[in-house]
Structure formats: C-alpha cells, structure tokens
Amino acid sequence: MSSWKEMEVSHFPLENSARKGEDVTHCNDSVAGKEPRKGCPSCVTLLANWKCLVNENSNNETALSSISRECRETLGIAPARMEEGDQRVIINIAGLRFETKLRTLNEFPETLLGDPLKRMAYFDSMRNEYFFDRNRPSFDGILYYYQSGGKIRRPANVPIDVFADEITFYQLGNEAMDQFREDEGFIKEAEIPLPSNEYYKQFWLLFEYPESSNAARGMALVSVLVIIISILIFCIETLPEFREEKDFQLSKDGKNFTEKVEVPNTFTDPFFVIETACIIWFSFELAVRFVVCPSKSKFFQNLLNIIDIVSIIPYFVTLITELNHESEPVGQQNMSLAILRIIRLVRVFRIFKLSRHSTGLQILGQTLKASMRELGLLIFFLFIGVILFSSAVYFAEADEPKSQFTSIPDGFWWAVVTMTTVGYGDMCPMTVGGKIVGTLCAIAGVLTIALPVPVIVSNFNYFYHRETENEEKQCLAVEPENGQLASLVKVGSDASLNKNEGTYTHDPAKNGKS
C-alpha cells in the first residue's frame, strides 16, 4: 500500500505540488483502468488535500483560497453581502464577552442597548466592542429579553434586588419591570382612579394626594394642624381648672342624694368655639372630597373616610343634646349626660385622621391587615394559656387562707399580666406550687408572643420597602431625561459610570472603569 504522499490529488490543483516533485493527476476511484467518477471528490481525495495543506507552509494560502472559491462555485453558492441587521455586536460585561446580532438589539429602540445614541457612550473603539462594568450573571437575563422578544427572566443565581437594578440600568422600561415583579410574586400596584371631570380631578388631587403638588402639600399641612389642635383641645378641656360641675338630685332605692356632675357651658365655652372651627374645616374637607370623588360607593368603603365621618358625629350629637337639655326632666338629663359622655369619647378616634397624611401609620395599618392570621393565632394561644394557668394557680393556692385567687376568673387578670411580661404585682401567688405555676406561665408567655413576631416584622419590612421604592420612583420620574442623556453621550474606551445619588452619570476622569 502506498503512502499518503503518493496518493494522487484530484479536483483541486495545488500550486506547490511541482516543488515537492509530486505529480498531480486524477485518481482512480477503486479499480485501475476505469474512468474516474465525476462529481464530488472521494474520501481519499479529500484526505489527501487536507494532509497536503497541513504539511505545507504559509505559501499554501493561495491554494486554500482557491479551494474555498472553487467549493463555492461547485456548490452554486454566490457570495452574499451581509445586511446591516445581520452584523454582529460584541458586548463586554466586566470582562465576559457576549455576541449577538444588531437586529436583535434594534427590536427595542427605547432601551439602552437598542438605542444607538445611548449605547454609543459605552463603545470601546480600540477593541470594537461595548464595555459595561455591570453584574455578569444578570446579563444572561437581559440578553434573553432581547432574544425572546420581550420576556424577562431572572437567572437563578442573581438576587432580586440586583436584577431589578440591572433592568433599571439597561432601561428596559416599566413594562419589563412590572412583568419581572409579577413573576417574582410582588403585588401589582393598583391604578389610581381619577375623576373624568378636569375640575373635579384638580380638587381630588388637592385634597386626597398631598404629593401631587405644592398646593396639595399646603392643604395637607393645614389639615394636620387642625387635627392636632382638635386633639389638644380634647385633652386640655378635661383638666380640673377647666371643668364646671353642678349638683344634681338623684334617687336610688328610695333614697335621695346629691351628686356633682360635669356640665360644660357649651355655647359660651371657648373650647366649644375652637371645636366648632375645627368641625367646620373637617366638614368642608369631607364634603369636597365626597362631591369630587370618582366613585360615591367606593368613597364610603374607604376606612379613612369612615373615620372622618365618625370623628365629626360627636359634635353634632353634643349640639343637639345641649339644645334639648333645658326642656328635659332631671332623669332624662342624667341619661343625656351619660350618653353625651360616651359620645364625646368617640372624639379620640380623630387621631386616626393623621393616618391620611402619615406614611408610617399607613404602613402600620397595612402590616396589621396582612398579619391578621398571625395576630389571631397569638390571641388564641394567649386564650389557652390564660385558661390553663389561671386554673392551675387557683388549685395551687386553694389551701392558702390569704390567697388572692378566690376563683378561676379572678386569675384571668393575673395570667394575662404574667404572660405578657407586664407584672403589675397587684396579684401574686404565695405558695410554692403557685410560684412554680407563675414561673411556667411567664416562660410560656414569652414563647407565645415571640413565635408570631418574626412574621409580623417580615410583613412590615415588605410594606416599608415597597413604600420606599414608590417614593424613589416618584423622585426619579421628575428628573429631566435630557440632562441624563447629555451626560452619557461620549464615544471611546474611556466611558465609565459613577453612581451618584441613585442616578448614573458619565465620568470622563476614569478610563474604562466604573
């Protein structure tokens, strides 16, 4: 069997074959004397061509180009011009290179990579690539967004907050962010309903959303001041030097006796005058919001609006009671005063009106609402503990003559105070058995209260961070985009990023680093 150098080369003439002293002839396919088969070369021919090219030096470049050209002619492939969309783009993410087509990026022209002007700020002309000093694993999800036509998927090894920052940096838009948050299980923010009438809309924003304008902030400040004044008046008027008491003749079990009852001089009392001014403002504010609200039925379903209504009812009840006070007999006057005293207690709920203007109170309310199941479990565990330990301490102290636990219901108060670790000391066990029960009660109370607390704290952190993100979005929304874009337009390898107060700006002092 002859060596591979002695094999004849067919189909392609090699220019340096004469230098080697080898004859270039057509090979017989298998049997000598037969005509060679026309068409594609045999496997032996291809092997001979390949080994010849491997053993030759750089002078075979002409032969290689000839082989490539003749292959295209044989297969009927014409050289085609590469279209602009088929051009490849190299993206360097902190040293890790990604390659994609320009057409893929151009599908989303509003994004950082899809806009030629925006991405040009990160172009490295020396290496002919775009350089971003960003998180490497996150770019797998970013590039998939372009390749899939708008589907955002977070890589499993990337934290949620890091990938959210990358979505913001590459300017994928609010739709991509909403899709990402929905896939991660975040609750989608409900759209704010607004009145269709333009005048109603302005008044609704003025009274309902303090962050909408400076005038709305001023209106909210006035409302907060009026609420604080009303609460202070409610507290100060109970001081002894401001109270006026009268003697009333009362009868009980056939016996007559005199009792001093607090009777305020309603119409001449300065506290009543100030309270009237506050109620006028509350009523005006409530009436305007009701008239301009987008939905009258949903207006009464809002807890804050219900609090506003309840907070002004005691004033009108007091006013009606005072108008009918003189014409009523003594017995009915006493009943009216008792009802009035209870109704006036409702004024203390006016402090919840501050939750309309306090983000902290709103977060607390949302946390309690989301933690109702955990709070229910806490109350249920306390109920079981109170019944168990009050019964145990009663039977442990049964033989003690000076025991304060005369019955199981008397031990309820002691069990609640002990389990909540308050410990007033008004009731305490005296026997050894009672003290052992008290020790177990205190330990069980600590464990009972501590178990649901982490879940409640987790809910609070969730609502707090969500509110913080909303405030950051509102701050970023008012920033002019033209100023940010102008600071990023620069071509060259010295493009860099400097994170300054939550926005990304171009820093020409650095050279290709961020």
Protein backbone atom coordinates (compact mmCIF):
# COMPACT_ATOMS: atom_id res chain seq x y z
CA MET A 1 0.00 0.00 0.00
CA SER A 2 1.46 3.32 -0.98
CA SER A 3 1.95 6.17 1.46
CA TRP A 4 -0.46 9.13 1.59
CA LYS A 5 2.05 11.41 -0.18
CA GLU A 6 1.95 9.08 -3.18
CA MET A 7 -1.81 9.35 -3.44
CA GLU A 8 -2.98 11.37 -6.37
CA VAL A 9 -4.82 14.61 -5.75
CA SER A 10 -7.92 15.24 -7.72
CA HIS A 11 -10.40 18.06 -8.07
CA PHE A 12 -8.07 20.87 -6.91
CA PRO A 13 -4.59 21.61 -8.36
CA LEU A 14 -2.08 22.70 -5.73
CA GLU A 15 0.44 25.30 -6.88
CA ASN A 16 3.38 23.95 -4.89
CA SER A 17 2.98 20.33 -5.92
CA ALA A 18 5.67 20.69 -8.57
CA ARG A 19 8.06 21.95 -5.91
CA LYS A 20 7.55 18.75 -3.98
CA GLY A 21 8.15 16.72 -7.04
CA GLU A 22 4.71 15.11 -6.89
CA ASP A 23 2.51 14.52 -9.88
CA VAL A 24 -0.95 15.90 -9.80
CA THR A 25 -3.22 13.54 -11.67
CA HIS A 26 -6.74 12.28 -11.36
CA CYS A 27 -7.08 9.27 -9.12
CA ASN A 28 -8.98 6.15 -9.96
CA ASP A 29 -11.81 5.58 -7.57
CA SER A 30 -11.11 1.94 -6.87
CA VAL A 31 -10.05 -0.10 -9.86
CA ALA A 32 -7.35 0.87 -12.35
CA GLY A 33 -8.40 1.24 -15.95
CA LYS A 34 -11.82 2.70 -15.16
CA GLU A 35 -12.71 6.32 -15.81
CA PRO A 36 -12.78 8.50 -12.73
CA ARG A 37 -16.20 9.24 -11.27
CA LYS A 38 -17.34 12.75 -11.90
CA GLY A 39 -18.86 14.97 -9.23
CA CYS A 40 -17.71 15.37 -5.64
CA PRO A 41 -14.24 14.01 -4.76
CA SER A 42 -13.86 10.76 -2.89
CA CYS A 43 -12.92 10.49 0.79
CA VAL A 44 -9.35 9.58 -0.18
CA THR A 45 -9.11 12.72 -2.29
CA LEU A 46 -10.36 14.95 0.50
CA LEU A 47 -7.95 13.35 2.96
CA ALA A 48 -5.08 13.90 0.58
CA ASN A 49 -5.97 17.55 0.09
CA TRP A 50 -6.26 18.14 3.83
CA LYS A 51 -2.96 16.44 4.74
CA CYS A 52 -1.20 18.28 1.95
CA LEU A 53 -2.43 21.60 3.30
CA VAL A 54 -1.43 20.69 6.85
CA ASN A 55 2.16 19.85 5.91
CA GLU A 56 2.67 22.86 3.68
CA ASN A 57 3.87 26.21 4.91
CA SER A 58 2.34 29.65 4.54
CA ASN A 59 2.83 29.61 0.79
CA ASN A 60 -0.30 27.48 0.55
CA GLU A 61 -2.57 30.48 1.27
CA THR A 62 -3.18 30.80 -2.43
CA ALA A 63 -4.18 27.16 -2.69
CA LEU A 64 -6.50 27.45 0.33
CA SER A 65 -8.27 30.45 -1.13
CA SER A 66 -8.54 28.64 -4.43
CA ILE A 67 -10.13 25.63 -2.73
CA SER A 68 -12.66 27.87 -0.95
CA ARG A 69 -13.56 29.71 -4.14
CA GLU A 70 -13.94 26.56 -6.23
CA CYS A 71 -16.04 24.91 -3.48
CA ARG A 72 -18.49 27.78 -3.63
CA GLU A 73 -18.61 27.57 -7.40
CA THR A 74 -19.13 23.78 -7.28
CA LEU A 75 -21.98 24.03 -4.75
CA GLY A 76 -23.51 27.01 -6.51
CA ILE A 77 -23.17 29.38 -3.54
CA ALA A 78 -22.78 33.02 -4.51
CA PRO A 79 -21.07 35.40 -2.11
CA ALA A 80 -23.83 37.46 -0.40
CA ARG A 81 -23.46 40.90 1.10
CA MET A 82 -24.13 40.97 4.89
CA GLU A 83 -27.11 43.13 5.70
CA GLU A 84 -26.92 45.77 8.40
CA GLY A 85 -29.23 43.86 10.76
CA ASP A 86 -27.09 40.73 10.48
CA GLN A 87 -23.96 42.46 11.75
CA ARG A 88 -22.61 41.01 14.95
CA VAL A 89 -22.18 43.11 18.09
CA ILE A 90 -19.75 42.24 20.86
CA ILE A 91 -20.82 43.27 24.38
CA ASN A 92 -18.22 43.03 27.14
CA ILE A 93 -19.73 42.69 30.62
CA ALA A 94 -16.90 43.15 33.12
CA GLY A 95 -14.57 41.01 31.02
CA LEU A 96 -17.13 38.42 29.87
CA ARG A 97 -17.95 38.84 26.17
CA PHE A 98 -21.38 38.27 24.69
CA GLU A 99 -22.05 38.25 20.96
CA THR A 100 -25.38 38.91 19.29
CA LYS A 101 -26.81 40.42 16.14
CA LEU A 102 -27.53 44.10 15.75
CA ARG A 103 -31.02 43.26 14.56
CA THR A 104 -31.76 41.63 17.92
CA LEU A 105 -30.93 44.81 19.83
CA ASN A 106 -32.83 47.04 17.41
CA GLU A 107 -36.09 45.30 18.33
CA PHE A 108 -36.28 47.56 21.40
CA PRO A 109 -35.09 51.02 20.33
CA GLU A 110 -36.17 52.67 23.59
CA THR A 111 -33.71 50.67 25.70
CA LEU A 112 -30.06 51.37 26.40
CA LEU A 113 -28.72 48.67 24.08
CA GLY A 114 -31.37 49.26 21.40
CA ASP A 115 -30.74 52.99 21.02
CA PRO A 116 -27.55 53.72 19.03
CA LEU A 117 -27.02 57.07 20.75
CA LYS A 118 -27.37 55.63 24.24
CA ARG A 119 -25.16 52.59 23.75
CA MET A 120 -22.51 54.60 21.89
CA ALA A 121 -21.46 56.10 25.23
CA TYR A 122 -20.05 52.68 26.17
CA PHE A 123 -18.33 51.85 22.87
CA ASP A 124 -14.64 50.93 23.01
CA SER A 125 -13.21 51.92 19.64
CA MET A 126 -9.87 50.23 20.34
CA ARG A 127 -11.45 46.80 20.84
CA ASN A 128 -14.51 47.39 18.67
CA GLU A 129 -16.91 46.36 21.45
CA TYR A 130 -19.31 47.79 24.02
CA PHE A 131 -17.99 47.66 27.57
CA PHE A 132 -20.23 47.64 30.67
CA ASP A 133 -18.84 47.18 34.16
CA ARG A 134 -22.02 45.54 35.42
CA ASN A 135 -23.11 42.28 37.04
CA ARG A 136 -22.13 39.35 34.79
CA PRO A 137 -24.78 36.72 35.61
CA SER A 138 -27.57 39.26 35.25
CA PHE A 139 -26.78 39.92 31.61
CA ASP A 140 -27.94 36.42 30.68
CA GLY A 141 -31.46 37.52 31.57
CA ILE A 142 -31.02 40.94 29.93
CA LEU A 143 -29.85 39.43 26.64
CA TYR A 144 -32.65 36.87 26.76
CA TYR A 145 -35.09 39.79 26.94
CA TYR A 146 -33.89 40.94 23.52
CA GLN A 147 -33.67 37.46 22.02
CA SER A 148 -37.14 36.36 23.20
CA GLY A 149 -38.92 39.48 22.07
CA GLY A 150 -39.65 40.95 25.49
CA LYS A 151 -39.71 38.07 28.00
CA ILE A 152 -37.81 38.88 31.18
CA ARG A 153 -36.41 36.02 33.25
CA ARG A 154 -34.16 36.37 36.28
CA PRO A 155 -31.22 33.93 36.45
CA ALA A 156 -31.45 31.67 39.48
CA ASN A 157 -28.10 32.79 40.89
CA VAL A 158 -28.92 36.52 40.80
CA PRO A 159 -30.65 38.25 43.76
CA ILE A 160 -33.93 40.01 43.09
CA ASP A 161 -32.71 43.49 44.01
CA VAL A 162 -29.56 43.14 41.86
CA PHE A 163 -31.55 42.08 38.80
CA ALA A 164 -34.03 44.90 39.38
CA ASP A 165 -31.13 47.37 39.34
CA GLU A 166 -29.91 45.87 36.06
CA ILE A 167 -33.36 46.26 34.49
CA THR A 168 -33.34 49.90 35.51
CA PHE A 169 -29.81 50.47 34.23
CA TYR A 170 -30.44 48.94 30.80
CA GLN A 171 -33.67 50.98 30.60
CA LEU A 172 -35.93 48.07 29.68
CA GLY A 173 -38.94 50.13 30.72
CA ASN A 174 -41.82 49.96 33.17
CA GLU A 175 -43.50 47.09 31.32
CA ALA A 176 -40.47 44.84 31.78
CA MET A 177 -40.19 45.87 35.44
CA ASP A 178 -43.88 45.13 36.05
CA GLN A 179 -43.53 41.75 34.35
CA PHE A 180 -40.49 40.95 36.47
CA ARG A 181 -42.21 41.96 39.70
CA GLU A 182 -45.28 39.93 38.80
CA ASP A 183 -43.18 36.83 38.04
CA GLU A 184 -41.38 37.22 41.37
CA GLY A 185 -44.68 37.32 43.26
CA PHE A 186 -44.85 41.02 44.05
CA ILE A 187 -48.28 42.58 44.32
CA LYS A 188 -49.04 44.82 41.39
CA GLU A 189 -49.78 48.38 42.37
CA ALA A 190 -53.39 49.29 41.72
CA GLU A 191 -54.04 52.13 39.33
CA ILE A 192 -55.24 55.34 40.98
CA PRO A 193 -58.80 56.17 39.87
CA LEU A 194 -59.30 59.82 38.98
CA PRO A 195 -62.47 61.79 38.17
CA SER A 196 -63.20 62.34 34.49
CA ASN A 197 -64.07 66.00 35.03
CA GLU A 198 -60.94 68.15 34.90
CA TYR A 199 -62.05 70.49 37.71
CA TYR A 200 -63.06 67.57 39.90
CA LYS A 201 -59.72 65.96 39.16
CA GLN A 202 -57.81 69.02 40.37
CA PHE A 203 -59.79 69.21 43.62
CA TRP A 204 -59.48 65.44 44.17
CA LEU A 205 -55.72 65.59 43.84
CA LEU A 206 -55.63 68.69 46.04
CA PHE A 207 -57.44 67.07 48.97
CA GLU A 208 -56.56 63.38 48.54
CA TYR A 209 -52.94 63.22 47.29
CA PRO A 210 -50.60 65.65 49.09
CA GLU A 211 -47.62 64.63 46.95
CA SER A 212 -49.31 65.74 43.72
CA SER A 213 -48.43 69.46 44.03
CA ASN A 214 -47.20 72.16 46.39
CA ALA A 215 -50.76 73.39 46.91
CA ALA A 216 -51.79 69.88 47.94
CA ARG A 217 -48.90 69.77 50.41
CA GLY A 218 -50.04 73.07 51.89
CA MET A 219 -53.61 71.78 52.18
CA ALA A 220 -52.37 68.66 53.94
CA LEU A 221 -50.33 70.77 56.35
CA VAL A 222 -53.40 72.83 57.27
CA SER A 223 -55.42 69.66 57.81
CA VAL A 224 -52.74 68.18 60.09
CA LEU A 225 -52.59 71.38 62.17
CA VAL A 226 -56.37 71.39 62.61
CA ILE A 227 -56.32 67.73 63.69
CA ILE A 228 -53.58 68.42 66.25
CA ILE A 229 -55.47 71.44 67.63
CA SER A 230 -58.64 69.38 67.95
CA ILE A 231 -56.83 66.60 69.84
CA LEU A 232 -55.15 69.10 72.18
CA ILE A 233 -58.50 70.73 72.95
CA PHE A 234 -59.99 67.32 73.67
CA CYS A 235 -57.25 66.63 76.22
CA ILE A 236 -56.93 70.08 77.82
CA GLU A 237 -60.64 70.56 78.50
CA THR A 238 -60.54 67.62 80.94
CA LEU A 239 -58.21 69.47 83.33
CA PRO A 240 -59.87 70.23 86.72
CA GLU A 241 -59.48 74.00 86.37
CA PHE A 242 -61.47 73.98 83.13
CA ARG A 243 -64.30 71.75 84.33
CA GLU A 244 -67.61 73.07 85.63
CA GLU A 245 -69.67 70.82 87.89
CA LYS A 246 -73.27 71.15 89.10
CA ASP A 247 -75.21 69.36 91.84
CA PHE A 248 -77.97 67.03 90.72
CA GLN A 249 -80.61 65.43 92.93
CA LEU A 250 -80.64 61.69 92.28
CA SER A 251 -82.68 58.91 93.82
CA LYS A 252 -81.76 55.26 94.25
CA ASP A 253 -83.57 52.55 96.21
CA GLY A 254 -85.99 55.14 97.56
CA LYS A 255 -83.18 57.36 98.86
CA ASN A 256 -82.39 60.83 97.58
CA PHE A 257 -78.81 62.05 97.34
CA THR A 258 -76.83 64.78 95.62
CA GLU A 259 -74.14 64.08 93.03
CA LYS A 260 -71.84 66.50 91.27
CA VAL A 261 -71.93 66.06 87.51
CA GLU A 262 -69.72 67.81 84.99
CA VAL A 263 -71.84 70.11 82.82
CA PRO A 264 -69.95 72.19 80.29
CA ASN A 265 -71.29 75.57 79.20
CA THR A 266 -71.44 74.62 75.58
CA PHE A 267 -72.18 77.86 73.76
CA THR A 268 -70.03 80.11 75.95
CA ASP A 269 -67.16 77.69 76.39
CA PRO A 270 -64.01 78.77 74.44
CA PHE A 271 -63.17 75.13 73.88
CA PHE A 272 -66.51 74.69 72.14
CA VAL A 273 -65.77 77.66 69.88
CA ILE A 274 -62.42 76.21 68.85
CA GLU A 275 -64.01 72.80 68.40
CA THR A 276 -66.66 74.38 66.17
CA ALA A 277 -63.98 75.93 63.96
CA CYS A 278 -62.25 72.55 63.63
CA ILE A 279 -65.51 70.80 62.81
CA ILE A 280 -66.26 73.37 60.10
CA TRP A 281 -62.94 72.56 58.45
CA PHE A 282 -63.46 68.79 58.78
CA SER A 283 -66.97 69.04 57.34
CA PHE A 284 -65.81 71.22 54.45
CA GLU A 285 -62.96 68.83 53.64
CA LEU A 286 -65.23 65.78 53.81
CA ALA A 287 -67.94 67.40 51.67
CA VAL A 288 -65.50 68.47 48.94
CA ARG A 289 -63.92 65.02 48.75
CA PHE A 290 -67.36 63.40 48.53
CA VAL A 291 -68.52 65.70 45.73
CA VAL A 292 -65.42 65.30 43.55
CA CYS A 293 -64.64 61.63 44.27
CA PRO A 294 -64.60 59.32 41.22
CA SER A 295 -66.93 56.75 42.85
CA LYS A 296 -69.51 57.56 45.52
CA SER A 297 -69.96 53.91 46.52
CA LYS A 298 -66.23 53.30 46.99
CA PHE A 299 -65.96 56.54 48.95
CA PHE A 300 -67.89 55.02 51.86
CA GLN A 301 -65.89 51.80 51.62
CA ASN A 302 -62.67 53.63 52.45
CA LEU A 303 -61.76 53.24 56.12
CA LEU A 304 -60.22 56.72 56.31
CA ASN A 305 -63.45 58.32 55.10
CA ILE A 306 -65.43 56.35 57.70
CA ILE A 307 -63.05 57.66 60.38
CA ASP A 308 -63.65 61.21 59.14
CA ILE A 309 -67.41 60.77 59.43
CA VAL A 310 -67.23 59.19 62.88
CA SER A 311 -64.93 61.94 64.16
CA ILE A 312 -67.43 64.74 63.47
CA ILE A 313 -70.58 62.94 64.68
CA PRO A 314 -69.93 63.63 68.44
CA TYR A 315 -70.01 67.37 67.83
CA PHE A 316 -73.48 67.34 66.29
CA VAL A 317 -74.74 64.92 68.95
CA THR A 318 -73.43 67.27 71.64
CA LEU A 319 -75.05 70.23 69.94
CA ILE A 320 -78.46 68.54 69.70
CA THR A 321 -78.23 67.35 73.30
CA GLU A 322 -77.49 70.85 74.56
CA LEU A 323 -80.39 72.32 72.62
CA ASN A 324 -82.81 69.84 74.23
CA HIS A 325 -81.13 69.92 77.63
CA GLU A 326 -83.24 72.64 79.25
CA SER A 327 -86.62 71.13 78.35
CA GLU A 328 -85.86 67.64 79.71
CA PRO A 329 -86.62 66.44 83.26
CA VAL A 330 -83.80 65.62 85.64
CA GLY A 331 -83.81 61.86 84.96
CA GLN A 332 -83.60 62.32 81.24
CA GLN A 333 -80.90 64.97 81.71
CA ASN A 334 -78.78 62.43 83.58
CA MET A 335 -79.33 59.91 80.81
CA SER A 336 -78.42 62.53 78.21
CA LEU A 337 -75.23 63.39 80.08
CA ALA A 338 -74.23 59.73 80.24
CA ILE A 339 -74.83 59.31 76.53
CA LEU A 340 -73.02 62.56 75.85
CA ARG A 341 -70.02 61.41 77.86
CA ILE A 342 -69.83 58.19 75.82
CA ILE A 343 -70.30 60.01 72.52
CA ARG A 344 -67.59 62.51 73.35
CA LEU A 345 -65.22 59.63 73.92
CA VAL A 346 -65.52 58.86 70.22
CA ARG A 347 -63.66 62.10 69.53
CA VAL A 348 -60.46 60.32 70.47
CA PHE A 349 -60.67 58.41 67.18
CA ARG A 350 -59.96 61.71 65.48
CA ILE A 351 -56.29 60.95 65.96
CA PHE A 352 -56.60 58.30 63.25
CA LYS A 353 -57.24 61.10 60.77
CA LEU A 354 -53.49 61.63 60.86
CA SER A 355 -53.04 58.32 59.05
CA ARG A 356 -54.22 60.03 55.85
CA HIS A 357 -51.13 62.23 55.98
CA SER A 358 -48.71 59.81 57.67
CA THR A 359 -46.95 57.13 55.63
CA GLY A 360 -45.80 55.39 58.80
CA LEU A 361 -49.35 54.91 60.09
CA GLN A 362 -50.46 53.63 56.70
CA ILE A 363 -47.63 51.08 56.69
CA LEU A 364 -48.59 50.02 60.22
CA GLY A 365 -52.21 49.57 59.17
CA GLN A 366 -51.23 47.52 56.12
CA THR A 367 -48.96 45.40 58.29
CA LEU A 368 -51.71 44.65 60.80
CA LYS A 369 -54.13 43.86 57.98
CA ALA A 370 -51.67 41.44 56.37
CA SER A 371 -50.86 39.86 59.75
CA MET A 372 -54.41 39.17 60.88
CA ARG A 373 -53.84 35.43 60.77
CA GLU A 374 -50.73 35.65 62.96
CA LEU A 375 -52.47 38.03 65.37
CA GLY A 376 -55.40 35.62 65.56
CA LEU A 377 -53.04 32.78 66.44
CA LEU A 378 -51.41 34.97 69.09
CA ILE A 379 -54.74 35.76 70.71
CA PHE A 380 -55.76 32.10 70.53
CA PHE A 381 -52.54 30.97 72.23
CA LEU A 382 -52.98 33.62 74.92
CA PHE A 383 -56.55 32.48 75.49
CA ILE A 384 -55.42 28.88 76.00
CA GLY A 385 -52.61 29.99 78.32
CA VAL A 386 -54.91 32.19 80.40
CA ILE A 387 -57.41 29.38 80.94
CA LEU A 388 -54.68 26.84 81.70
CA PHE A 389 -52.55 28.85 84.13
CA SER A 390 -55.41 30.62 85.92
CA SER A 391 -56.91 27.21 86.67
CA ALA A 392 -53.54 25.85 87.77
CA VAL A 393 -52.78 28.76 90.09
CA TYR A 394 -56.26 28.61 91.62
CA PHE A 395 -55.87 24.97 92.65
CA ALA A 396 -52.25 25.55 93.73
CA GLU A 397 -53.38 28.38 96.04
CA ALA A 398 -56.59 26.70 97.25
CA ASP A 399 -55.17 25.80 100.68
CA GLU A 400 -53.75 29.27 101.34
CA PRO A 401 -56.11 31.37 103.53
CA LYS A 402 -54.62 34.69 102.39
CA SER A 403 -54.66 33.77 98.71
CA GLN A 404 -55.92 36.41 96.31
CA PHE A 405 -57.09 33.81 93.83
CA THR A 406 -60.60 33.19 95.13
CA SER A 407 -61.84 31.82 91.80
CA ILE A 408 -60.59 30.92 88.35
CA PRO A 409 -62.00 34.11 86.73
CA ASP A 410 -60.06 36.12 89.34
CA GLY A 411 -56.90 34.50 87.97
CA PHE A 412 -57.58 35.62 84.39
CA TRP A 413 -56.13 39.07 85.02
CA TRP A 414 -53.04 37.64 86.70
CA ALA A 415 -52.46 35.17 83.83
CA VAL A 416 -52.74 37.89 81.16
CA VAL A 417 -50.38 40.24 83.01
CA THR A 418 -47.88 37.45 83.61
CA MET A 419 -47.91 36.02 80.07
CA THR A 420 -47.42 39.48 78.55
CA THR A 421 -44.49 40.05 80.99
CA VAL A 422 -46.10 43.22 82.39
CA GLY A 423 -46.26 42.10 86.02
CA TYR A 424 -48.20 44.77 87.91
CA GLY A 425 -47.77 42.90 91.20
CA ASP A 426 -51.32 43.51 92.40
CA MET A 427 -51.86 39.74 92.48
CA CYS A 428 -49.15 37.20 93.20
CA PRO A 429 -49.02 33.56 94.35
CA MET A 430 -47.86 32.80 97.89
CA THR A 431 -47.36 29.03 97.94
CA VAL A 432 -44.51 27.09 96.36
CA GLY A 433 -46.87 25.43 93.92
CA GLY A 434 -48.34 28.79 92.93
CA LYS A 435 -44.89 30.24 92.31
CA ILE A 436 -43.95 27.27 90.12
CA VAL A 437 -47.13 27.84 88.10
CA GLY A 438 -46.26 31.54 87.83
CA THR A 439 -42.78 30.69 86.53
CA LEU A 440 -44.17 28.38 83.86
CA CYS A 441 -46.77 30.99 82.96
CA ALA A 442 -44.10 33.66 82.37
CA ILE A 443 -41.95 31.32 80.24
CA ALA A 444 -44.95 30.20 78.18
CA GLY A 445 -45.95 33.82 77.66
CA VAL A 446 -42.54 34.76 76.28
CA LEU A 447 -42.60 31.84 73.83
CA THR A 448 -46.19 32.50 72.81
CA ILE A 449 -45.54 36.15 71.98
CA ALA A 450 -42.16 35.55 70.34
CA LEU A 451 -43.35 32.98 67.78
CA PRO A 452 -45.60 35.21 65.57
CA VAL A 453 -43.39 38.30 65.86
CA PRO A 454 -40.94 37.42 63.00
CA VAL A 455 -43.82 37.05 60.54
CA ILE A 456 -45.26 40.42 61.55
CA VAL A 457 -41.84 42.05 61.26
CA SER A 458 -41.38 40.49 57.82
CA ASN A 459 -44.69 41.96 56.65
CA PHE A 460 -43.69 45.35 57.99
CA ASN A 461 -40.36 45.23 56.14
CA TYR A 462 -42.14 44.30 52.92
CA PHE A 463 -44.58 47.21 53.07
CA TYR A 464 -41.85 49.59 54.20
CA HIS A 465 -39.52 48.71 51.31
CA ARG A 466 -42.39 48.87 48.84
CA GLU A 467 -43.29 52.36 50.01
CA THR A 468 -39.64 53.39 49.82
CA GLU A 469 -39.41 52.11 46.24
CA ASN A 470 -42.52 54.07 45.29
CA GLU A 471 -41.02 57.25 46.71
CA GLU A 472 -37.79 56.64 44.77
CA LYS A 473 -39.77 56.11 41.56
CA GLN A 474 -41.59 59.39 42.10
CA CYS A 475 -38.29 61.19 42.65
CA LEU A 476 -36.76 59.66 39.52
CA ALA A 477 -39.83 60.44 37.44
CA VAL A 478 -39.45 64.20 37.91
CA GLU A 479 -35.81 64.28 36.86
CA PRO A 480 -35.27 65.58 33.32
CA GLU A 481 -34.22 62.80 30.98
CA ASN A 482 -32.42 65.16 28.62
CA GLY A 483 -29.88 66.08 31.25
CA GLN A 484 -29.13 62.44 31.96
CA LEU A 485 -28.77 61.60 28.27
CA ALA A 486 -26.44 64.51 27.57
CA SER A 487 -24.10 63.40 30.32
CA LEU A 488 -23.78 59.95 28.76
CA VAL A 489 -23.04 60.85 25.11
CA LYS A 490 -19.35 60.15 24.60
CA VAL A 491 -17.58 57.76 22.22
CA GLY A 492 -14.41 55.91 23.18
CA SER A 493 -12.95 53.44 25.59
CA ASP A 494 -12.88 55.93 28.48
CA ALA A 495 -16.63 55.71 29.09
CA SER A 496 -17.38 54.96 32.70
CA LEU A 497 -20.16 55.11 35.20
CA ASN A 498 -20.34 56.79 38.51
CA LYS A 499 -23.29 56.05 40.72
CA ASN A 500 -24.28 59.32 42.33
CA GLU A 501 -27.42 59.64 44.42
CA GLY A 502 -29.26 56.85 42.63
CA THR A 503 -28.56 58.11 39.07
CA TYR A 504 -25.87 57.06 36.65
CA THR A 505 -23.70 59.74 35.09
CA HIS A 506 -20.66 59.75 32.86
CA ASP A 507 -17.30 60.35 34.50
CA PRO A 508 -14.61 61.30 31.95
CA ALA A 509 -11.92 61.28 34.63
CA LYS A 510 -11.87 57.48 34.66
CA ASN A 511 -10.63 55.30 31.85
CA GLY A 512 -12.93 52.41 31.05
CA LYS A 513 -13.66 51.60 34.69
CA SER A 514 -16.65 52.10 36.90
